[in-house]
Amino acid sequence: MSGTEFPVNPQRLDPYKNFKFRVFWDGQTKPVAGVSKVSPLIRTTEVIRHREGNDPSTSHKSPGRTEYEPITLERGVTQDLEFERWANKVWDWGASPGYEVSLADFRKNIIIDLLNEAGQLVLSYRVYRCWVSEYQALPELDSDKPGVAFQLIKLENEGWERDLSVVEPKEPQINPE
């Protein structure tokens, strides 16, 4: 339905919120533990300018290469080792020479799901051939600024796409008529 923002729930006026989501990798059925922040999915296509010699002093513009920005996942520091394990596949400092990089499996595909306020799946994106280019095991530690200790991984990727099999769910009513 063209022009209808929410065809299944036409009473809905507000866009989806950004605070309910989950991340999966390795084909697991349980989300990655503790992820509290995901950076935006950004795709940029370079602009190639060109003109003919007899054109006015303006340029034609054509699309060039498309690049996908890295995605950062953040979570509070816990005993879970999944961020560290994945980061160690790219570089494991304590490994024997020749085994510092796990070339066979350092890349993963991930799934990022967006949920509505009721916890229903509303959008899903598949991100391809990710690998950890930056791992922050601990934040700055400062006894004068109490707060949650966060760790993060930055994921290089080779593209993403929306999973069109995920469709708008019928939103629940507290007192259905």
Protein backbone atom coordinates (compact mmCIF):
# COMPACT_ATOMS: atom_id res chain seq x y z
CA MET A 1 0.00 0.00 0.00
CA SER A 2 1.79 3.05 -1.22
CA GLY A 3 1.65 6.07 1.09
CA THR A 4 0.45 4.15 4.15
CA GLU A 5 3.07 4.19 6.88
CA PHE A 6 1.45 1.42 8.94
CA PRO A 7 -0.97 -0.58 6.76
CA VAL A 8 -1.70 -3.26 9.40
CA ASN A 9 -2.05 -0.71 12.23
CA PRO A 10 -3.48 2.43 10.58
CA GLN A 11 -4.27 3.92 14.01
CA ARG A 12 -0.54 4.15 14.72
CA LEU A 13 0.77 7.67 14.10
CA ASP A 14 4.22 7.63 15.67
CA PRO A 15 7.32 5.99 14.18
CA TYR A 16 9.04 3.08 15.91
CA LYS A 17 11.25 3.87 18.89
CA ASN A 18 14.97 3.11 19.05
CA PHE A 19 15.21 1.48 22.48
CA LYS A 20 14.00 -2.09 21.88
CA PHE A 21 16.24 -4.23 19.70
CA ARG A 22 18.32 -7.38 19.63
CA VAL A 23 21.41 -8.65 17.82
CA PHE A 24 22.16 -12.20 16.70
CA TRP A 25 25.24 -13.88 15.22
CA ASP A 26 26.44 -17.41 14.47
CA GLY A 27 22.87 -18.45 13.66
CA GLN A 28 22.04 -18.51 17.36
CA THR A 29 18.43 -18.38 18.53
CA LYS A 30 19.30 -16.31 21.62
CA PRO A 31 20.37 -12.68 21.18
CA VAL A 32 23.93 -11.60 21.96
CA ALA A 33 23.97 -10.91 25.70
CA GLY A 34 23.74 -7.38 27.05
CA VAL A 35 23.94 -5.28 23.88
CA SER A 36 22.66 -1.83 24.88
CA LYS A 37 23.70 0.29 21.89
CA VAL A 38 24.07 -0.26 18.15
CA SER A 39 25.42 2.48 15.90
CA PRO A 40 23.41 3.45 12.80
CA LEU A 41 23.44 1.48 9.57
CA ILE A 42 24.98 3.90 7.07
CA ARG A 43 25.63 3.34 3.38
CA THR A 44 27.37 6.00 1.30
CA THR A 45 27.77 6.07 -2.47
CA GLU A 46 30.51 8.32 -3.79
CA VAL A 47 29.58 10.92 -6.38
CA ILE A 48 31.47 10.94 -9.66
CA ARG A 49 31.31 14.30 -11.42
CA HIS A 50 31.82 14.53 -15.15
CA ARG A 51 31.12 16.90 -17.99
CA GLU A 52 31.66 17.23 -21.68
CA GLY A 53 33.84 19.98 -23.06
CA ASN A 54 30.93 21.90 -24.55
CA ASP A 55 28.69 21.57 -21.45
CA PRO A 56 27.88 24.67 -19.42
CA SER A 57 30.03 25.18 -16.34
CA THR A 58 28.10 22.58 -14.37
CA SER A 59 28.71 18.87 -13.93
CA HIS A 60 26.70 15.73 -14.42
CA LYS A 61 26.70 13.43 -11.40
CA SER A 62 26.83 9.63 -11.43
CA PRO A 63 26.98 7.06 -8.65
CA GLY A 64 30.39 5.54 -7.91
CA ARG A 65 31.49 2.99 -5.32
CA THR A 66 29.26 2.25 -2.37
CA GLU A 67 30.76 1.82 1.08
CA TYR A 68 29.16 0.56 4.28
CA GLU A 69 30.19 2.27 7.51
CA PRO A 70 31.41 0.14 10.42
CA ILE A 71 28.81 -0.81 13.03
CA THR A 72 29.61 -0.46 16.71
CA LEU A 73 28.01 -2.69 19.35
CA GLU A 74 28.24 -1.63 23.00
CA ARG A 75 27.34 -3.43 26.18
CA GLY A 76 28.06 -3.31 29.87
CA VAL A 77 31.09 -5.28 31.01
CA THR A 78 30.07 -8.71 32.37
CA GLN A 79 31.60 -12.18 32.53
CA ASP A 80 30.34 -13.02 29.01
CA LEU A 81 33.30 -13.58 26.65
CA GLU A 82 31.61 -13.35 23.22
CA PHE A 83 32.97 -9.90 22.26
CA GLU A 84 36.49 -10.92 23.28
CA ARG A 85 36.30 -14.30 21.54
CA TRP A 86 35.28 -12.71 18.25
CA ALA A 87 37.92 -9.98 18.54
CA ASN A 88 40.56 -12.65 19.22
CA LYS A 89 39.74 -14.34 15.91
CA VAL A 90 41.19 -11.29 14.15
CA TRP A 91 44.22 -11.05 16.44
CA ASP A 92 44.96 -13.31 19.40
CA TRP A 93 48.02 -11.93 21.15
CA GLY A 94 48.80 -15.12 23.08
CA ALA A 95 48.46 -17.51 20.15
CA SER A 96 51.35 -19.48 18.68
CA PRO A 97 53.07 -17.94 15.63
CA GLY A 98 50.98 -18.54 12.53
CA TYR A 99 47.78 -18.94 14.59
CA GLU A 100 47.22 -15.32 15.64
CA VAL A 101 44.45 -14.90 13.04
CA SER A 102 41.60 -17.35 12.54
CA LEU A 103 41.24 -16.92 8.77
CA ALA A 104 38.62 -19.67 8.49
CA ASP A 105 36.01 -18.01 10.72
CA PHE A 106 36.86 -14.43 11.72
CA ARG A 107 33.89 -13.13 9.66
CA LYS A 108 30.28 -13.48 10.77
CA ASN A 109 26.92 -12.43 9.44
CA ILE A 110 24.80 -10.67 12.02
CA ILE A 111 21.11 -9.83 12.32
CA ILE A 112 19.80 -6.63 13.90
CA ASP A 113 16.12 -6.71 14.86
CA LEU A 114 14.02 -3.68 15.79
CA LEU A 115 11.07 -4.30 18.12
CA ASN A 116 8.03 -2.14 18.80
CA GLU A 117 7.03 -1.00 22.28
CA ALA A 118 5.19 -4.32 22.86
CA GLY A 119 8.32 -6.31 21.99
CA GLN A 120 7.07 -7.47 18.57
CA LEU A 121 9.54 -7.80 15.70
CA VAL A 122 8.89 -4.98 13.21
CA LEU A 123 12.11 -4.68 11.15
CA SER A 124 15.15 -6.86 10.63
CA TYR A 125 18.45 -6.23 8.84
CA ARG A 126 21.05 -8.78 7.79
CA VAL A 127 24.63 -7.50 7.87
CA TYR A 128 27.18 -9.49 5.86
CA ARG A 129 30.82 -10.53 6.30
CA CYS A 130 31.45 -8.63 9.54
CA TRP A 131 34.75 -8.72 11.40
CA VAL A 132 36.05 -6.91 14.48
CA SER A 133 38.35 -4.00 13.61
CA GLU A 134 38.30 -2.48 17.09
CA TYR A 135 37.71 -4.01 20.52
CA GLN A 136 37.46 -2.00 23.73
CA ALA A 137 37.66 -4.42 26.65
CA LEU A 138 37.34 -1.74 29.35
CA PRO A 139 36.42 1.94 29.31
CA GLU A 140 38.38 4.67 31.03
CA LEU A 141 38.24 3.89 34.75
CA ASP A 142 37.73 6.94 36.94
CA SER A 143 36.95 6.84 40.67
CA ASP A 144 35.45 10.36 40.50
CA LYS A 145 32.86 9.49 37.84
CA PRO A 146 30.77 6.47 38.82
CA GLY A 147 28.88 4.76 36.04
CA VAL A 148 28.50 1.57 34.05
CA ALA A 149 31.65 0.11 32.52
CA PHE A 150 31.06 -0.48 28.80
CA GLN A 151 32.93 -2.57 26.27
CA LEU A 152 32.52 -2.32 22.52
CA ILE A 153 33.36 -3.91 19.22
CA LYS A 154 33.52 -2.12 15.88
CA LEU A 155 32.42 -4.32 13.00
CA GLU A 156 33.61 -3.75 9.48
CA ASN A 157 31.09 -5.15 7.03
CA GLU A 158 30.51 -5.60 3.32
CA GLY A 159 26.87 -4.62 3.21
CA TRP A 160 23.44 -5.03 4.68
CA GLU A 161 19.89 -5.48 3.54
CA ARG A 162 16.46 -5.36 5.05
CA ASP A 163 14.80 -8.74 5.56
CA LEU A 164 11.55 -8.23 3.67
CA SER A 165 10.07 -11.44 5.07
CA VAL A 166 9.56 -9.53 8.35
CA VAL A 167 6.19 -7.80 8.05
CA GLU A 168 4.30 -5.41 10.28
CA PRO A 169 2.59 -7.34 13.10
CA LYS A 170 -0.89 -6.57 14.36
CA GLU A 171 -0.29 -4.53 17.49
CA PRO A 172 -1.96 -5.74 20.70
CA GLN A 173 -4.73 -3.91 22.50
CA ILE A 174 -5.05 -3.95 26.28
CA ASN A 175 -8.85 -4.18 26.16
CA PRO A 176 -9.68 -5.75 22.79
CA GLU A 177 -13.23 -5.16 21.59
